[in-house]
PDB file of N, CA and C in Angstrom:
ATOM      1  N   MET A   1      38.550-184.278  20.616  1.00  0.00           N
ATOM      2  CA  MET A   1      39.679-185.044  20.059  1.00  0.00           C
ATOM      3  C   MET A   1      38.751-186.271  19.613  1.00  0.00           C
ATOM      4  N   THR A   2      39.175-186.655  18.234  1.00  0.00           N
ATOM      5  CA  THR A   2      38.346-188.127  17.386  1.00  0.00           C
ATOM      6  C   THR A   2      39.609-189.025  17.761  1.00  0.00           C
ATOM      7  N   THR A   3      38.859-190.316  17.962  1.00  0.00           N
ATOM      8  CA  THR A   3      39.776-191.454  17.894  1.00  0.00           C
ATOM      9  C   THR A   3      39.913-191.902  16.588  1.00  0.00           C
ATOM     10  N   VAL A   4      41.346-192.162  16.122  1.00  0.00           N
ATOM     11  CA  VAL A   4      41.341-192.499  14.731  1.00  0.00           C
ATOM     12  C   VAL A   4      41.832-193.788  14.669  1.00  0.00           C
ATOM     13  N   ILE A   5      41.506-194.900  14.205  1.00  0.00           N
ATOM     14  CA  ILE A   5      42.367-196.616  14.186  1.00  0.00           C
ATOM     15  C   ILE A   5      42.127-196.744  12.599  1.00  0.00           C
ATOM     16  N   LYS A   6      43.214-197.241  12.791  1.00  0.00           N
ATOM     17  CA  LYS A   6      43.877-197.706  11.212  1.00  0.00           C
ATOM     18  C   LYS A   6      43.877-199.297  11.027  1.00  0.00           C
ATOM     19  N   ALA A   7      42.948-199.745  10.029  1.00  0.00           N
ATOM     20  CA  ALA A   7      42.826-201.151   9.953  1.00  0.00           C
ATOM     21  C   ALA A   7      43.774-201.168   8.657  1.00  0.00           C
ATOM     22  N   SER A   8      43.099-202.403   7.771  1.00  0.00           N
ATOM     23  CA  SER A   8      43.536-202.783   6.805  1.00  0.00           C
ATOM     24  C   SER A   8      42.909-203.670   5.630  1.00  0.00           C
ATOM     25  N   CYS A   9      42.667-202.898   4.609  1.00  0.00           N
ATOM     26  CA  CYS A   9      41.240-203.042   3.478  1.00  0.00           C
ATOM     27  C   CYS A   9      42.382-204.311   2.411  1.00  0.00           C
ATOM     28  N   CYS A  10      41.416-205.420   2.162  1.00  0.00           N
ATOM     29  CA  CYS A  10      42.255-206.448   1.148  1.00  0.00           C
ATOM     30  C   CYS A  10      42.766-205.548   0.194  1.00  0.00           C
ATOM     31  N   ASP A  11      41.919-204.764  -0.578  1.00  0.00           N
ATOM     32  CA  ASP A  11      42.061-204.350  -1.784  1.00  0.00           C
ATOM     33  C   ASP A  11      42.609-202.724  -1.814  1.00  0.00           C
ATOM     34  N   CYS A  12      42.558-201.854  -0.635  1.00  0.00           N
ATOM     35  CA  CYS A  12      42.845-200.873  -0.391  1.00  0.00           C
ATOM     36  C   CYS A  12      44.045-200.365   0.316  1.00  0.00           C
ATOM     37  N   GLY A  13      44.323-201.358   1.251  1.00  0.00           N
ATOM     38  CA  GLY A  13      45.699-201.317   1.932  1.00  0.00           C
ATOM     39  C   GLY A  13      45.223-200.467   3.196  1.00  0.00           C
ATOM     40  N   ASP A  14      46.183-199.730   3.972  1.00  0.00           N
ATOM     41  CA  ASP A  14      45.538-199.210   4.937  1.00  0.00           C
ATOM     42  C   ASP A  14      44.671-197.865   5.210  1.00  0.00           C
ATOM     43  N   VAL A  15      43.545-197.967   6.046  1.00  0.00           N
ATOM     44  CA  VAL A  15      42.480-196.778   5.846  1.00  0.00           C
ATOM     45  C   VAL A  15      42.342-196.299   7.495  1.00  0.00           C
ATOM     46  N   GLU A  16      41.743-195.288   7.377  1.00  0.00           N
ATOM     47  CA  GLU A  16      41.403-194.528   8.573  1.00  0.00           C
ATOM     48  C   GLU A  16      40.611-194.979   8.698  1.00  0.00           C
ATOM     49  N   LEU A  17      39.980-195.161  10.388  1.00  0.00           N
ATOM     50  CA  LEU A  17      38.740-195.494  10.626  1.00  0.00           C
ATOM     51  C   LEU A  17      38.047-194.622  11.579  1.00  0.00           C
ATOM     52  N   GLY A  18      36.996-194.117  11.729  1.00  0.00           N
ATOM     53  CA  GLY A  18      36.798-193.357  13.444  1.00  0.00           C
ATOM     54  C   GLY A  18      35.774-194.438  14.165  1.00  0.00           C
ATOM     55  N   VAL A  19      35.684-194.817  15.819  1.00  0.00           N
ATOM     56  CA  VAL A  19      34.701-195.584  16.159  1.00  0.00           C
ATOM     57  C   VAL A  19      33.537-196.072  15.892  1.00  0.00           C
ATOM     58  N   ASP A  20      32.690-195.095  14.635  1.00  0.00           N
ATOM     59  CA  ASP A  20      31.447-195.585  14.630  1.00  0.00           C
ATOM     60  C   ASP A  20      31.607-195.857  13.292  1.00  0.00           C
ATOM     61  N   ASP A  21      32.766-195.996  12.399  1.00  0.00           N
ATOM     62  CA  ASP A  21      32.946-196.994  11.391  1.00  0.00           C
ATOM     63  C   ASP A  21      32.937-198.508  11.475  1.00  0.00           C
ATOM     64  N   LEU A  22      33.407-198.952  12.921  1.00  0.00           N
ATOM     65  CA  LEU A  22      33.707-200.226  13.140  1.00  0.00           C
ATOM     66  C   LEU A  22      32.673-201.286  14.370  1.00  0.00           C
ATOM     67  N   LYS A  23      32.701-202.359  13.896  1.00  0.00           N
ATOM     68  CA  LYS A  23      31.999-202.880  15.583  1.00  0.00           C
ATOM     69  C   LYS A  23      32.578-204.088  16.055  1.00  0.00           C
ATOM     70  N   VAL A  24      32.942-204.152  17.075  1.00  0.00           N
ATOM     71  CA  VAL A  24      33.428-205.832  17.476  1.00  0.00           C
ATOM     72  C   VAL A  24      32.400-206.375  17.660  1.00  0.00           C
ATOM     73  N   ARG A  25      33.011-207.959  17.163  1.00  0.00           N
ATOM     74  CA  ARG A  25      32.224-208.671  17.288  1.00  0.00           C
ATOM     75  C   ARG A  25      32.635-210.405  18.517  1.00  0.00           C
ATOM     76  N   VAL A  26      31.508-210.833  19.255  1.00  0.00           N
ATOM     77  CA  VAL A  26      32.228-211.729  20.364  1.00  0.00           C
ATOM     78  C   VAL A  26      31.542-212.846  20.643  1.00  0.00           C
ATOM     79  N   CYS A  27      32.093-213.958  19.910  1.00  0.00           N
ATOM     80  CA  CYS A  27      30.875-215.140  20.041  1.00  0.00           C
ATOM     81  C   CYS A  27      30.933-215.598  21.681  1.00  0.00           C
ATOM     82  N   THR A  28      29.750-215.374  21.925  1.00  0.00           N
ATOM     83  CA  THR A  28      29.204-216.014  23.708  1.00  0.00           C
ATOM     84  C   THR A  28      29.798-217.568  23.764  1.00  0.00           C
ATOM     85  N   TYR A  29      29.695-218.353  22.901  1.00  0.00           N
ATOM     86  CA  TYR A  29      29.856-219.490  23.129  1.00  0.00           C
ATOM     87  C   TYR A  29      31.506-219.922  23.655  1.00  0.00           C
ATOM     88  N   ASP A  30      32.844-218.979  22.427  1.00  0.00           N
ATOM     89  CA  ASP A  30      34.415-219.508  22.676  1.00  0.00           C
ATOM     90  C   ASP A  30      34.817-218.317  23.233  1.00  0.00           C
ATOM     91  N   ASP A  31      33.953-216.810  23.212  1.00  0.00           N
ATOM     92  CA  ASP A  31      34.912-215.599  23.610  1.00  0.00           C
ATOM     93  C   ASP A  31      36.033-215.786  21.834  1.00  0.00           C
ATOM     94  N   GLN A  32      35.528-216.129  20.849  1.00  0.00           N
ATOM     95  CA  GLN A  32      36.157-216.033  20.018  1.00  0.00           C
ATOM     96  C   GLN A  32      35.721-214.409  18.895  1.00  0.00           C
ATOM     97  N   GLY A  33      36.735-213.551  19.010  1.00  0.00           N
ATOM     98  CA  GLY A  33      36.694-211.949  18.466  1.00  0.00           C
ATOM     99  C   GLY A  33      36.809-211.449  17.314  1.00  0.00           C
ATOM    100  N   SER A  34      35.941-210.779  16.688  1.00  0.00           N
ATOM    101  CA  SER A  34      36.337-210.346  15.371  1.00  0.00           C
ATOM    102  C   SER A  34      36.036-208.948  14.800  1.00  0.00           C
ATOM    103  N   PHE A  35      36.641-207.887  14.426  1.00  0.00           N
ATOM    104  CA  PHE A  35      36.102-206.406  14.345  1.00  0.00           C
ATOM    105  C   PHE A  35      35.846-206.402  12.666  1.00  0.00           C
ATOM    106  N   VAL A  36      34.736-205.730  12.620  1.00  0.00           N
ATOM    107  CA  VAL A  36      34.324-205.742  10.807  1.00  0.00           C
ATOM    108  C   VAL A  36      33.936-204.122  10.736  1.00  0.00           C
ATOM    109  N   PHE A  37      34.230-203.509   9.344  1.00  0.00           N
ATOM    110  CA  PHE A  37      33.852-202.452   8.744  1.00  0.00           C
ATOM    111  C   PHE A  37      33.932-202.273   7.469  1.00  0.00           C
ATOM    112  N   ARG A  38      33.173-201.086   6.959  1.00  0.00           N
ATOM    113  CA  ARG A  38      32.721-200.972   5.579  1.00  0.00           C
ATOM    114  C   ARG A  38      34.315-199.962   4.913  1.00  0.00           C
ATOM    115  N   CYS A  39      35.256-200.456   4.103  1.00  0.00           N
ATOM    116  CA  CYS A  39      36.240-199.787   3.607  1.00  0.00           C
ATOM    117  C   CYS A  39      35.734-198.009   3.058  1.00  0.00           C
ATOM    118  N   PRO A  40      36.204-196.995   3.691  1.00  0.00           N
ATOM    119  CA  PRO A  40      35.821-195.639   2.934  1.00  0.00           C
ATOM    120  C   PRO A  40      35.817-195.350   2.004  1.00  0.00           C
ATOM    121  N   THR A  41      37.129-196.253   1.340  1.00  0.00           N
ATOM    122  CA  THR A  41      37.420-196.106  -0.008  1.00  0.00           C
ATOM    123  C   THR A  41      36.735-197.249  -0.733  1.00  0.00           C
ATOM    124  N   CYS A  42      36.826-198.165  -0.999  1.00  0.00           N
ATOM    125  CA  CYS A  42      35.944-199.139  -2.045  1.00  0.00           C
ATOM    126  C   CYS A  42      34.630-199.464  -1.334  1.00  0.00           C
ATOM    127  N   ARG A  43      34.113-199.607  -0.664  1.00  0.00           N
ATOM    128  CA  ARG A  43      32.884-199.529   0.327  1.00  0.00           C
ATOM    129  C   ARG A  43      32.875-201.125   0.413  1.00  0.00           C
ATOM    130  N   MET A  44      33.916-201.939   0.504  1.00  0.00           N
ATOM    131  CA  MET A  44      33.701-203.676   0.854  1.00  0.00           C
ATOM    132  C   MET A  44      33.643-203.583   2.115  1.00  0.00           C
ATOM    133  N   SER A  45      32.989-204.602   2.610  1.00  0.00           N
ATOM    134  CA  SER A  45      32.612-205.219   4.044  1.00  0.00           C
ATOM    135  C   SER A  45      34.457-205.926   4.538  1.00  0.00           C
ATOM    136  N   THR A  46      34.854-205.591   5.500  1.00  0.00           N
ATOM    137  CA  THR A  46      35.643-206.433   5.796  1.00  0.00           C
ATOM    138  C   THR A  46      35.842-206.905   7.447  1.00  0.00           C
ATOM    139  N   ALA A  47      36.088-208.208   7.752  1.00  0.00           N
ATOM    140  CA  ALA A  47      35.918-208.523   8.615  1.00  0.00           C
ATOM    141  C   ALA A  47      38.020-209.099   9.199  1.00  0.00           C
ATOM    142  N   LYS A  48      37.931-209.057  10.184  1.00  0.00           N
ATOM    143  CA  LYS A  48      39.318-209.616  10.576  1.00  0.00           C
ATOM    144  C   LYS A  48      39.163-210.072  12.079  1.00  0.00           C
ATOM    145  N   PRO A  49      39.858-211.047  12.208  1.00  0.00           N
ATOM    146  CA  PRO A  49      40.007-211.845  13.528  1.00  0.00           C
ATOM    147  C   PRO A  49      40.311-210.617  14.757  1.00  0.00           C
ATOM    148  N   ALA A  50      40.340-211.172  15.713  1.00  0.00           N
ATOM    149  CA  ALA A  50      41.047-209.682  16.725  1.00  0.00           C
ATOM    150  C   ALA A  50      41.331-210.387  18.144  1.00  0.00           C
ATOM    151  N   GLU A  51      42.504-210.353  18.824  1.00  0.00           N
ATOM    152  CA  GLU A  51      42.805-211.041  19.870  1.00  0.00           C
ATOM    153  C   GLU A  51      42.074-210.472  21.129  1.00  0.00           C
ATOM    154  N   ALA A  52      41.555-211.163  21.941  1.00  0.00           N
ATOM    155  CA  ALA A  52      41.225-210.096  23.328  1.00  0.00           C
ATOM    156  C   ALA A  52      41.700-208.919  23.653  1.00  0.00           C
ATOM    157  N   ARG A  53      43.304-209.112  23.579  1.00  0.00           N
ATOM    158  CA  ARG A  53      43.488-207.288  24.255  1.00  0.00           C
ATOM    159  C   ARG A  53      43.220-205.983  22.952  1.00  0.00           C
ATOM    160  N   VAL A  54      43.013-206.385  21.352  1.00  0.00           N
ATOM    161  CA  VAL A  54      43.052-205.760  20.498  1.00  0.00           C
ATOM    162  C   VAL A  54      41.331-205.633  21.068  1.00  0.00           C
ATOM    163  N   ILE A  55      40.657-206.379  21.270  1.00  0.00           N
ATOM    164  CA  ILE A  55      38.852-205.801  21.503  1.00  0.00           C
ATOM    165  C   ILE A  55      38.698-205.316  22.618  1.00  0.00           C
ATOM    166  N   GLU A  56      39.404-205.479  23.800  1.00  0.00           N
ATOM    167  CA  GLU A  56      39.425-204.502  24.886  1.00  0.00           C
ATOM    168  C   GLU A  56      39.864-203.112  24.175  1.00  0.00           C
ATOM    169  N   MET A  57      40.814-202.866  23.749  1.00  0.00           N
ATOM    170  CA  MET A  57      41.238-201.335  23.293  1.00  0.00           C
ATOM    171  C   MET A  57      40.293-200.883  22.485  1.00  0.00           C
ATOM    172  N   LEU A  58      39.723-201.573  21.507  1.00  0.00           N
ATOM    173  CA  LEU A  58      38.671-201.348  20.622  1.00  0.00           C
ATOM    174  C   LEU A  58      37.595-200.373  21.282  1.00  0.00           C
ATOM    175  N   VAL A  59      36.595-201.570  22.433  1.00  0.00           N
ATOM    176  CA  VAL A  59      35.827-201.000  23.122  1.00  0.00           C
ATOM    177  C   VAL A  59      36.142-199.950  23.947  1.00  0.00           C
ATOM    178  N   ALA A  60      37.155-200.123  24.765  1.00  0.00           N
ATOM    179  CA  ALA A  60      37.505-198.714  25.100  1.00  0.00           C
ATOM    180  C   ALA A  60      37.435-197.175  24.633  1.00  0.00           C
ATOM    181  N   SER A  61      37.889-197.402  23.414  1.00  0.00           N
ATOM    182  CA  SER A  61      37.877-196.555  22.690  1.00  0.00           C
ATOM    183  C   SER A  61      36.428-196.392  22.339  1.00  0.00           C
ATOM    184  N   GLY A  62      35.657-197.236  22.199  1.00  0.00           N
ATOM    185  CA  GLY A  62      34.378-196.843  21.685  1.00  0.00           C
ATOM    186  C   GLY A  62      33.121-197.035  20.504  1.00  0.00           C
ATOM    187  N   VAL A  63      34.213-198.513  20.214  1.00  0.00           N
ATOM    188  CA  VAL A  63      33.602-199.062  18.965  1.00  0.00           C
ATOM    189  C   VAL A  63      32.778-199.890  20.053  1.00  0.00           C
ATOM    190  N   ARG A  64      31.574-200.001  18.881  1.00  0.00           N
ATOM    191  CA  ARG A  64      30.208-200.690  20.010  1.00  0.00           C
ATOM    192  C   ARG A  64      30.680-202.413  19.623  1.00  0.00           C
ATOM    193  N   LEU A  65      30.561-203.138  20.681  1.00  0.00           N
ATOM    194  CA  LEU A  65      30.501-204.469  21.158  1.00  0.00           C
ATOM    195  C   LEU A  65      29.072-205.512  20.624  1.00  0.00           C
ATOM    196  N   VAL A  66      29.498-205.709  19.967  1.00  0.00           N
ATOM    197  CA  VAL A  66      28.119-207.125  19.666  1.00  0.00           C
ATOM    198  C   VAL A  66      27.834-208.437  20.294  1.00  0.00           C
ATOM    199  N   LYS A  67      27.448-208.662  20.946  1.00  0.00           N
ATOM    200  CA  LYS A  67      27.654-210.062  21.346  1.00  0.00           C
ATOM    201  C   LYS A  67      26.899-211.413  20.475  1.00  0.00           C
ATOM    202  N   TRP A  68      27.364-212.217  19.971  1.00  0.00           N
ATOM    203  CA  TRP A  68      26.382-213.275  19.062  1.00  0.00           C
ATOM    204  C   TRP A  68      26.868-214.676  19.481  1.00  0.00           C
ATOM    205  N   ARG A  69      25.940-215.416  18.992  1.00  0.00           N
ATOM    206  CA  ARG A  69      25.871-216.855  19.372  1.00  0.00           C
ATOM    207  C   ARG A  69      25.452-217.579  18.149  1.00  0.00           C
ATOM    208  N   LEU A  70      26.600-218.818  18.268  1.00  0.00           N
ATOM    209  CA  LEU A  70      26.089-219.633  17.530  1.00  0.00           C
ATOM    210  C   LEU A  70      24.936-220.232  17.375  1.00  0.00           C
ATOM    211  N   PRO A  71      24.208-220.890  16.497  1.00  0.00           N
ATOM    212  CA  PRO A  71      22.746-221.394  16.205  1.00  0.00           C
ATOM    213  C   PRO A  71      22.688-222.608  16.732  1.00  0.00           C
ATOM    214  N   ALA A  72      21.600-223.029  17.603  1.00  0.00           N
ATOM    215  CA  ALA A  72      21.448-224.081  18.161  1.00  0.00           C
ATOM    216  C   ALA A  72      21.451-225.300  17.592  1.00  0.00           C
ATOM    217  N   GLU A  73      21.628-225.359  16.393  1.00  0.00           N
ATOM    218  CA  GLU A  73      21.400-226.385  15.215  1.00  0.00           C
ATOM    219  C   GLU A  73      22.836-227.285  15.155  1.00  0.00           C
ATOM    220  N   ILE A  74      23.532-226.377  15.593  1.00  0.00           N
ATOM    221  CA  ILE A  74      25.085-226.689  15.028  1.00  0.00           C
ATOM    222  C   ILE A  74      25.048-227.711  16.571  1.00  0.00           C
ATOM    223  N   PHE A  75      24.483-227.527  17.547  1.00  0.00           N
ATOM    224  CA  PHE A  75      24.891-228.489  18.926  1.00  0.00           C
ATOM    225  C   PHE A  75      23.836-229.717  18.559  1.00  0.00           C
ATOM    226  N   GLU A  76      22.794-229.820  17.336  1.00  0.00           N
ATOM    227  CA  GLU A  76      22.190-231.017  17.431  1.00  0.00           C
ATOM    228  C   GLU A  76      22.665-231.953  16.831  1.00  0.00           C
ATOM    229  N   PRO A  77      22.308-233.660  17.376  1.00  0.00           N
ATOM    230  CA  PRO A  77      23.071-234.521  16.567  1.00  0.00           C
ATOM    231  C   PRO A  77      22.583-234.813  15.335  1.00  0.00           C
ATOM    232  N   HIS A  78      23.127-235.258  14.294  1.00  0.00           N
ATOM    233  CA  HIS A  78      23.294-235.603  13.106  1.00  0.00           C
ATOM    234  C   HIS A  78      23.713-236.738  12.486  1.00  0.00           C
ATOM    235  N   HIS A  79      22.423-237.111  11.844  1.00  0.00           N
ATOM    236  CA  HIS A  79      22.629-238.643  11.459  1.00  0.00           C
ATOM    237  C   HIS A  79      23.041-238.727  10.021  1.00  0.00           C
ATOM    238  N   GLY A  80      23.448-240.050   9.692  1.00  0.00           N
ATOM    239  CA  GLY A  80      23.349-239.949   8.167  1.00  0.00           C
ATOM    240  C   GLY A  80      24.503-239.562   7.699  1.00  0.00           C
ATOM    241  N   ALA A  81      24.832-239.808   6.282  1.00  0.00           N
ATOM    242  CA  ALA A  81      26.070-239.537   5.988  1.00  0.00           C
ATOM    243  C   ALA A  81      25.939-237.565   5.310  1.00  0.00           C
ATOM    244  N   PRO A  82      26.692-236.894   5.494  1.00  0.00           N
ATOM    245  CA  PRO A  82      26.877-235.778   5.317  1.00  0.00           C
ATOM    246  C   PRO A  82      26.284-235.241   3.719  1.00  0.00           C
ATOM    247  N   ILE A  83      25.912-234.518   3.100  1.00  0.00           N
ATOM    248  CA  ILE A  83      24.994-234.000   1.985  1.00  0.00           C
ATOM    249  C   ILE A  83      26.449-234.091   0.967  1.00  0.00           C
ATOM    250  N   SER A  84      26.801-234.233   0.024  1.00  0.00           N
ATOM    251  CA  SER A  84      28.093-234.720  -0.871  1.00  0.00           C
ATOM    252  C   SER A  84      27.414-233.488  -2.080  1.00  0.00           C
ATOM    253  N   HIS A  85      28.593-233.206  -3.170  1.00  0.00           N
ATOM    254  CA  HIS A  85      28.360-232.416  -4.010  1.00  0.00           C
ATOM    255  C   HIS A  85      27.088-233.025  -5.364  1.00  0.00           C
ATOM    256  N   ASP A  86      27.031-234.682  -5.111  1.00  0.00           N
ATOM    257  CA  ASP A  86      26.278-235.069  -6.007  1.00  0.00           C
ATOM    258  C   ASP A  86      25.046-235.236  -5.681  1.00  0.00           C
ATOM    259  N   ASP A  87      24.956-235.200  -4.250  1.00  0.00           N
ATOM    260  CA  ASP A  87      23.460-234.817  -3.691  1.00  0.00           C
ATOM    261  C   ASP A  87      23.096-233.471  -4.059  1.00  0.00           C
ATOM    262  N   LEU A  88      23.843-232.383  -4.191  1.00  0.00           N
ATOM    263  CA  LEU A  88      22.867-231.392  -4.719  1.00  0.00           C
ATOM    264  C   LEU A  88      22.945-230.907  -6.131  1.00  0.00           C
ATOM    265  N   ILE A  89      23.593-231.849  -6.742  1.00  0.00           N
ATOM    266  CA  ILE A  89      23.256-231.822  -8.320  1.00  0.00           C
ATOM    267  C   ILE A  89      21.920-232.679  -8.472  1.00  0.00           C
ATOM    268  N   GLU A  90      22.083-233.794  -8.082  1.00  0.00           N
ATOM    269  CA  GLU A  90      20.593-234.390  -8.439  1.00  0.00           C
ATOM    270  C   GLU A  90      19.507-233.793  -7.781  1.00  0.00           C
ATOM    271  N   PHE A  91      19.602-233.041  -6.557  1.00  0.00           N
ATOM    272  CA  PHE A  91      18.426-232.287  -6.326  1.00  0.00           C
ATOM    273  C   PHE A  91      18.331-230.673  -7.279  1.00  0.00           C
ATOM    274  N   HIS A  92      19.205-230.559  -7.730  1.00  0.00           N
ATOM    275  CA  HIS A  92      19.126-229.451  -8.728  1.00  0.00           C
ATOM    276  C   HIS A  92      18.627-229.753  -9.812  1.00  0.00           C
ATOM    277  N   LYS A  93      18.985-231.108 -10.088  1.00  0.00           N
ATOM    278  CA  LYS A  93      18.256-231.531 -11.380  1.00  0.00           C
ATOM    279  C   LYS A  93      16.690-232.291 -10.734  1.00  0.00           C
ATOM    280  N   LEU A  94      16.242-232.373  -9.661  1.00  0.00           N
ATOM    281  CA  LEU A  94      15.066-232.883  -9.397  1.00  0.00           C
ATOM    282  C   LEU A  94      13.980-231.608  -9.578  1.00  0.00           C
ATOM    283  N   ILE A  95      14.400-230.282  -9.233  1.00  0.00           N
ATOM    284  CA  ILE A  95      13.785-229.002  -8.617  1.00  0.00           C
ATOM    285  C   ILE A  95      13.336-228.202 -10.266  1.00  0.00           C
ATOM    286  N   GLN A  96      14.330-229.308 -11.469  1.00  0.00           N
ATOM    287  CA  GLN A  96      14.006-228.386 -12.026  1.00  0.00           C
ATOM    288  C   GLN A  96      12.447-228.552 -13.377  1.00  0.00           C
ATOM    289  N   GLY A  97      11.954-229.935 -12.673  1.00  0.00           N
ATOM    290  CA  GLY A  97      11.013-230.663 -13.312  1.00  0.00           C
ATOM    291  C   GLY A  97       9.799-230.072 -12.902  1.00  0.00           C
ATOM    292  N   ASP A  98       8.720-230.510 -13.606  1.00  0.00           N
ATOM    293  CA  ASP A  98       7.360-229.788 -13.384  1.00  0.00           C
ATOM    294  C   ASP A  98       6.597-230.392 -12.062  1.00  0.00           C
ATOM    295  N   ASP A  99       7.361-231.695 -11.872  1.00  0.00           N
ATOM    296  CA  ASP A  99       7.280-232.562 -10.968  1.00  0.00           C
ATOM    297  C   ASP A  99       7.729-232.751  -9.781  1.00  0.00           C
ATOM    298  N   TRP A 100       8.751-231.916  -9.375  1.00  0.00           N
ATOM    299  CA  TRP A 100       9.255-231.713  -8.524  1.00  0.00           C
ATOM    300  C   TRP A 100       8.660-232.010  -7.168  1.00  0.00           C
ATOM    301  N   TYR A 101       7.767-230.907  -6.648  1.00  0.00           N
ATOM    302  CA  TYR A 101       7.019-231.355  -5.407  1.00  0.00           C
ATOM    303  C   TYR A 101       6.385-232.422  -4.625  1.00  0.00           C
ATOM    304  N   GLU A 102       5.997-233.113  -6.086  1.00  0.00           N
ATOM    305  CA  GLU A 102       5.712-234.567  -5.713  1.00  0.00           C
ATOM    306  C   GLU A 102       6.786-235.961  -5.650  1.00  0.00           C
ATOM    307  N   ALA A 103       8.063-235.047  -5.947  1.00  0.00           N
ATOM    308  CA  ALA A 103       9.407-235.898  -6.351  1.00  0.00           C
ATOM    309  C   ALA A 103       9.636-235.793  -4.642  1.00  0.00           C
ATOM    310  N   VAL A 104       9.647-234.445  -4.102  1.00  0.00           N
ATOM    311  CA  VAL A 104      10.059-234.853  -2.890  1.00  0.00           C
ATOM    312  C   VAL A 104       9.370-235.609  -1.832  1.00  0.00           C
ATOM    313  N   LEU A 105       8.272-235.258  -1.654  1.00  0.00           N
ATOM    314  CA  LEU A 105       7.257-235.595  -0.974  1.00  0.00           C
ATOM    315  C   LEU A 105       7.112-237.327  -0.677  1.00  0.00           C
ATOM    316  N   GLY A 106       7.205-237.585  -1.576  1.00  0.00           N
ATOM    317  CA  GLY A 106       7.450-239.085  -2.319  1.00  0.00           C
ATOM    318  C   GLY A 106       8.937-240.396  -1.887  1.00  0.00           C
TER     319      GLY A 106
END
């Protein structure tokens, strides 16, 4: 007997998946979880948040559990103002020129 898991694709609606068609992801920092799958109809990847009880049921059914952690850079102190949209435009203009490397070093 194979386990059938019903999920919802944003484009195709309800789809049926096997345990090998999904992955459960859990962040080790805050235990937030989600499940991900590729729609068997349109082939688009979909990620959905999942509560602990849903994660437990999926894993108990045989869905692979992947634990991941937030990158260490998130916890580093940051100084100065955040990069703005205008900063990105200026940087884009800068790298369009032939002397962009020298300008960045200067």
